[in-house]
């Protein structure tokens, strides 16, 4: 079974901590640091952490937007 991009299943796809770290291309330890700083949303199922892929995408899009805005601001000051 393949999951089509934009299918309802993809938006509710839950990832383990290792899968989320792999998806974000960061070390597992960095993932836990970001969780403790409340920079990444997660769901607890008892002791287990699960991550919605759609939420990780949303956080990364917001982060990219803020970085671009910051670069634009810095470029404006340098001119």
Protein backbone atom coordinates (compact mmCIF):
# COMPACT_ATOMS: atom_id res chain seq x y z
CA UNK A 1 0.00 0.00 0.00
CA UNK A 2 1.36 3.40 -0.93
CA UNK A 3 0.26 6.66 0.61
CA UNK A 4 -0.50 9.35 -1.90
CA UNK A 5 0.92 12.80 -1.04
CA UNK A 6 -2.01 14.98 0.25
CA UNK A 7 -4.13 11.94 1.14
CA UNK A 8 -6.03 12.00 4.45
CA UNK A 9 -3.80 9.17 5.71
CA UNK A 10 -0.66 11.25 5.22
CA UNK A 11 -1.96 14.15 7.29
CA UNK A 12 -2.56 11.84 10.26
CA UNK A 13 0.57 9.74 9.79
CA UNK A 14 2.24 9.24 13.18
CA UNK A 15 6.00 8.88 13.36
CA UNK A 16 8.15 7.46 16.15
CA UNK A 17 10.90 9.63 17.63
CA UNK A 18 13.54 7.95 15.45
CA UNK A 19 11.39 8.31 12.33
CA UNK A 20 10.77 11.99 13.12
CA UNK A 21 14.49 12.60 13.62
CA UNK A 22 15.25 10.83 10.35
CA UNK A 23 12.52 12.80 8.56
CA UNK A 24 13.90 16.11 9.89
CA UNK A 25 17.48 14.91 9.27
CA UNK A 26 18.60 15.72 12.79
CA UNK A 27 20.16 13.52 15.50
CA UNK A 28 17.75 11.89 17.92
CA UNK A 29 19.29 13.86 20.81
CA UNK A 30 18.56 17.13 19.01
CA UNK A 31 14.95 16.05 18.57
CA UNK A 32 14.61 15.53 22.33
CA UNK A 33 16.21 18.92 23.03
CA UNK A 34 13.70 20.61 20.71
CA UNK A 35 10.85 18.76 22.43
CA UNK A 36 12.03 19.93 25.86
CA UNK A 37 12.20 23.53 24.57
CA UNK A 38 8.67 23.11 23.16
CA UNK A 39 9.93 23.79 19.63
CA UNK A 40 8.41 20.58 18.26
CA UNK A 41 4.89 19.33 18.96
CA UNK A 42 4.47 15.71 19.96
CA UNK A 43 1.85 13.40 21.42
CA UNK A 44 2.52 11.14 24.37
CA UNK A 45 1.08 7.64 24.39
CA UNK A 46 2.11 6.53 27.84
CA UNK A 47 5.90 6.70 27.73
CA UNK A 48 6.01 6.76 23.95
CA UNK A 49 6.27 9.90 21.82
CA UNK A 50 4.55 10.17 18.47
CA UNK A 51 4.77 12.97 15.93
CA UNK A 52 2.27 13.98 13.26
CA UNK A 53 4.12 14.37 10.00
CA UNK A 54 1.82 17.25 9.03
CA UNK A 55 2.72 19.12 12.25
CA UNK A 56 6.44 18.64 11.64
CA UNK A 57 5.95 20.02 8.12
CA UNK A 58 4.04 23.01 9.53
CA UNK A 59 6.75 23.81 12.10
CA UNK A 60 9.48 23.55 9.48
CA UNK A 61 7.56 25.83 7.10
CA UNK A 62 7.11 28.44 9.85
CA UNK A 63 10.80 28.19 10.74
CA UNK A 64 11.81 28.64 7.09
CA UNK A 65 9.55 31.68 6.76
CA UNK A 66 11.03 33.34 9.86
CA UNK A 67 14.59 32.67 8.68
CA UNK A 68 13.85 34.23 5.29
CA UNK A 69 12.26 37.27 6.96
CA UNK A 70 15.27 37.63 9.26
CA UNK A 71 17.67 37.42 6.29
CA UNK A 72 15.64 40.09 4.45
CA UNK A 73 15.83 42.36 7.49
CA UNK A 74 19.58 41.88 7.80
CA UNK A 75 20.08 42.48 4.08
CA UNK A 76 18.10 45.72 4.34
CA UNK A 77 20.33 46.98 7.16
CA UNK A 78 23.51 46.10 5.26
CA UNK A 79 22.53 48.18 2.22
